[in-house]
């Protein structure tokens, strides 16, 4: 299937469906990015600037170490 030969991007139904799918994906991304847990996690990770992990094991250790601080941030209601 050659998209340019079939003129799929000129089809109104295809463009409408594509637009709806992109809009739904964008809304889901914004909801996840602005969630309280995500904001608390970013806040705690930004305070741990000196602990930048270089390996996968260090990344797992950092996530385990900041889990309690993220929970405290969630209980407070935000960063």
N, C-alpha and C. Protein backbone atom coordinates (compact mmCIF):
# COMPACT_ATOMS: atom_id res chain seq x y z
N UNK A 1 0.85 -1.17 0.00
CA UNK A 1 0.00 0.00 0.00
C UNK A 1 0.90 1.24 0.00
N UNK A 2 0.82 1.99 -1.04
CA UNK A 2 1.59 3.22 -1.17
C UNK A 2 0.70 4.39 -0.75
N UNK A 3 1.07 5.03 0.33
CA UNK A 3 0.23 6.10 0.88
C UNK A 3 0.13 7.26 -0.09
N UNK A 4 1.22 7.60 -0.71
CA UNK A 4 1.21 8.75 -1.61
C UNK A 4 0.44 8.46 -2.90
N UNK A 5 0.49 7.22 -3.36
CA UNK A 5 -0.23 6.86 -4.58
C UNK A 5 -1.73 6.77 -4.32
N UNK A 6 -2.13 6.27 -3.16
CA UNK A 6 -3.54 6.11 -2.85
C UNK A 6 -4.18 7.41 -2.36
N UNK A 7 -3.40 8.43 -2.13
CA UNK A 7 -3.90 9.70 -1.61
C UNK A 7 -4.70 9.51 -0.33
N UNK A 8 -4.11 8.73 0.60
CA UNK A 8 -4.78 8.45 1.85
C UNK A 8 -4.91 9.70 2.71
N UNK A 9 -3.96 10.61 2.59
CA UNK A 9 -4.02 11.84 3.38
C UNK A 9 -5.04 12.84 2.82
N UNK A 10 -5.62 12.56 1.68
CA UNK A 10 -6.68 13.41 1.15
C UNK A 10 -8.06 12.87 1.52
N UNK A 11 -8.11 11.68 2.10
CA UNK A 11 -9.37 11.07 2.50
C UNK A 11 -9.84 11.72 3.80
N UNK A 12 -11.02 12.31 3.81
CA UNK A 12 -11.52 13.04 4.98
C UNK A 12 -11.78 12.11 6.15
N UNK A 13 -12.27 10.92 5.91
CA UNK A 13 -12.55 9.99 7.00
C UNK A 13 -11.26 9.54 7.66
N UNK A 14 -10.24 9.26 6.86
CA UNK A 14 -8.95 8.85 7.40
C UNK A 14 -8.36 9.97 8.25
N UNK A 15 -8.42 11.20 7.75
CA UNK A 15 -7.88 12.33 8.50
C UNK A 15 -8.65 12.57 9.79
N UNK A 16 -9.96 12.38 9.75
CA UNK A 16 -10.77 12.55 10.96
C UNK A 16 -10.41 11.51 12.01
N UNK A 17 -10.28 10.27 11.59
CA UNK A 17 -9.91 9.21 12.53
C UNK A 17 -8.51 9.44 13.07
N UNK A 18 -7.59 9.81 12.21
CA UNK A 18 -6.22 10.09 12.63
C UNK A 18 -6.19 11.25 13.63
N UNK A 19 -6.97 12.28 13.37
CA UNK A 19 -7.03 13.43 14.27
C UNK A 19 -7.59 13.06 15.63
N UNK A 20 -8.62 12.22 15.65
CA UNK A 20 -9.20 11.78 16.92
C UNK A 20 -8.20 10.95 17.71
N UNK A 21 -7.50 10.07 17.04
CA UNK A 21 -6.50 9.23 17.71
C UNK A 21 -5.38 10.09 18.29
N UNK A 22 -4.91 11.06 17.53
CA UNK A 22 -3.84 11.94 18.02
C UNK A 22 -4.34 12.79 19.19
N UNK A 23 -5.57 13.26 19.12
CA UNK A 23 -6.13 14.07 20.22
C UNK A 23 -6.27 13.23 21.49
N UNK A 24 -6.72 12.00 21.37
CA UNK A 24 -6.85 11.13 22.54
C UNK A 24 -5.49 10.83 23.14
N UNK A 25 -4.50 10.55 22.30
CA UNK A 25 -3.15 10.28 22.80
C UNK A 25 -2.58 11.51 23.50
N UNK A 26 -2.81 12.68 22.96
CA UNK A 26 -2.33 13.91 23.59
C UNK A 26 -2.99 14.17 24.93
N UNK A 27 -4.27 13.93 25.03
CA UNK A 27 -4.98 14.13 26.29
C UNK A 27 -4.48 13.15 27.36
N UNK A 28 -4.29 11.90 26.97
CA UNK A 28 -3.77 10.90 27.91
C UNK A 28 -2.38 11.29 28.38
N UNK A 29 -1.53 11.77 27.46
CA UNK A 29 -0.18 12.19 27.84
C UNK A 29 -0.23 13.35 28.83
N UNK A 30 -1.07 14.34 28.57
CA UNK A 30 -1.16 15.49 29.47
C UNK A 30 -1.69 15.10 30.84
N UNK A 31 -2.66 14.20 30.89
CA UNK A 31 -3.18 13.75 32.18
C UNK A 31 -2.11 13.02 32.97
N UNK A 32 -1.36 12.14 32.31
CA UNK A 32 -0.30 11.41 33.00
C UNK A 32 0.83 12.33 33.43
N UNK A 33 1.19 13.30 32.61
CA UNK A 33 2.30 14.20 32.92
C UNK A 33 1.95 15.11 34.09
N UNK A 34 0.70 15.53 34.19
CA UNK A 34 0.30 16.46 35.24
C UNK A 34 -0.31 15.78 36.45
N UNK A 35 -0.24 14.47 36.53
CA UNK A 35 -0.80 13.78 37.69
C UNK A 35 0.04 14.09 38.92
N UNK A 36 -0.56 13.96 40.08
CA UNK A 36 0.11 14.28 41.34
C UNK A 36 1.32 13.39 41.55
N UNK A 37 1.17 12.10 41.26
CA UNK A 37 2.29 11.17 41.46
C UNK A 37 3.46 11.52 40.54
N UNK A 38 3.16 11.86 39.31
CA UNK A 38 4.22 12.21 38.36
C UNK A 38 4.93 13.49 38.79
N UNK A 39 4.15 14.49 39.24
CA UNK A 39 4.78 15.73 39.69
C UNK A 39 5.65 15.51 40.92
N UNK A 40 5.18 14.67 41.85
CA UNK A 40 5.98 14.38 43.05
C UNK A 40 7.26 13.63 42.68
N UNK A 41 7.15 12.67 41.77
CA UNK A 41 8.32 11.90 41.35
C UNK A 41 9.35 12.81 40.68
N UNK A 42 8.89 13.69 39.79
CA UNK A 42 9.82 14.62 39.15
C UNK A 42 10.46 15.56 40.16
N UNK A 43 9.69 16.01 41.12
CA UNK A 43 10.20 16.92 42.13
C UNK A 43 11.30 16.25 42.97
N UNK A 44 11.05 15.02 43.39
CA UNK A 44 12.03 14.30 44.21
C UNK A 44 13.27 13.98 43.39
N UNK A 45 13.08 13.59 42.13
CA UNK A 45 14.25 13.29 41.30
C UNK A 45 15.06 14.54 40.99
N UNK A 46 14.41 15.69 40.89
CA UNK A 46 15.15 16.93 40.66
C UNK A 46 15.97 17.33 41.86
N UNK A 47 15.52 16.98 43.07
CA UNK A 47 16.31 17.29 44.26
C UNK A 47 17.49 16.34 44.40
N UNK A 48 17.43 15.18 43.75
CA UNK A 48 18.51 14.20 43.80
C UNK A 48 19.40 14.33 42.57
N UNK A 49 19.77 15.56 42.21
CA UNK A 49 20.56 15.81 41.01
C UNK A 49 21.92 15.14 41.08
N UNK A 50 22.49 15.07 42.26
CA UNK A 50 23.83 14.50 42.39
C UNK A 50 23.84 12.98 42.33
N UNK A 51 22.68 12.37 42.33
CA UNK A 51 22.57 10.92 42.32
C UNK A 51 22.19 10.38 40.94
N UNK A 52 22.69 10.98 39.88
CA UNK A 52 22.33 10.52 38.54
C UNK A 52 22.92 9.13 38.30
N UNK A 53 22.06 8.15 38.06
CA UNK A 53 22.53 6.77 37.87
C UNK A 53 23.12 6.57 36.47
N UNK A 54 24.11 5.69 36.41
CA UNK A 54 24.72 5.41 35.12
C UNK A 54 24.40 3.99 34.64
N UNK A 55 23.97 3.14 35.55
CA UNK A 55 23.62 1.78 35.16
C UNK A 55 22.18 1.48 35.55
N UNK A 56 21.67 0.38 35.06
CA UNK A 56 20.29 -0.02 35.35
C UNK A 56 20.12 -0.35 36.84
N UNK A 57 21.13 -0.98 37.44
CA UNK A 57 21.07 -1.32 38.86
C UNK A 57 21.03 -0.06 39.72
N UNK A 58 21.81 0.94 39.35
CA UNK A 58 21.80 2.19 40.10
C UNK A 58 20.46 2.90 39.94
N UNK A 59 19.84 2.80 38.77
CA UNK A 59 18.53 3.39 38.54
C UNK A 59 17.49 2.72 39.44
N UNK A 60 17.53 1.41 39.55
CA UNK A 60 16.60 0.69 40.42
C UNK A 60 16.81 1.05 41.89
N UNK A 61 18.08 1.18 42.30
CA UNK A 61 18.37 1.57 43.67
C UNK A 61 17.87 2.97 43.97
N UNK A 62 18.02 3.89 43.02
CA UNK A 62 17.54 5.26 43.21
C UNK A 62 16.02 5.28 43.31
N UNK A 63 15.33 4.53 42.46
CA UNK A 63 13.87 4.48 42.52
C UNK A 63 13.39 3.91 43.84
N UNK A 64 14.09 2.91 44.37
CA UNK A 64 13.73 2.34 45.66
C UNK A 64 13.99 3.34 46.79
N UNK A 65 15.07 4.09 46.69
CA UNK A 65 15.42 5.04 47.74
C UNK A 65 14.46 6.22 47.80
N UNK A 66 13.96 6.66 46.66
CA UNK A 66 13.10 7.85 46.67
C UNK A 66 11.63 7.50 46.82
N UNK A 67 11.30 6.21 46.89
CA UNK A 67 9.90 5.80 46.99
C UNK A 67 9.22 6.38 48.23
N UNK A 68 9.91 6.39 49.37
CA UNK A 68 9.34 6.92 50.61
C UNK A 68 9.12 8.43 50.50
N UNK A 69 10.05 9.13 49.86
CA UNK A 69 9.90 10.58 49.71
C UNK A 69 8.73 10.91 48.78
N UNK A 70 8.53 10.09 47.77
CA UNK A 70 7.39 10.30 46.87
C UNK A 70 6.09 10.08 47.63
N UNK A 71 6.03 9.05 48.47
CA UNK A 71 4.83 8.80 49.27
C UNK A 71 4.55 9.95 50.23
N UNK A 72 5.60 10.52 50.84
CA UNK A 72 5.41 11.68 51.71
C UNK A 72 4.87 12.87 50.93
N UNK A 73 5.37 13.07 49.72
CA UNK A 73 4.90 14.16 48.88
C UNK A 73 3.42 13.96 48.51
N UNK A 74 3.03 12.72 48.24
CA UNK A 74 1.64 12.43 47.93
C UNK A 74 0.73 12.69 49.12
N UNK A 75 1.20 12.36 50.32
CA UNK A 75 0.40 12.62 51.52
C UNK A 75 0.24 14.12 51.77
N UNK A 76 1.29 14.90 51.46
CA UNK A 76 1.22 16.36 51.64
C UNK A 76 0.27 16.99 50.63
N UNK A 77 0.12 16.36 49.48
CA UNK A 77 -0.78 16.90 48.48
C UNK A 77 -0.07 17.57 47.32
N UNK A 78 1.21 17.40 47.22
CA UNK A 78 1.95 17.96 46.08
C UNK A 78 3.29 18.52 46.50
N UNK A 79 4.10 18.84 45.51
CA UNK A 79 5.44 19.38 45.81
C UNK A 79 5.41 20.79 46.34
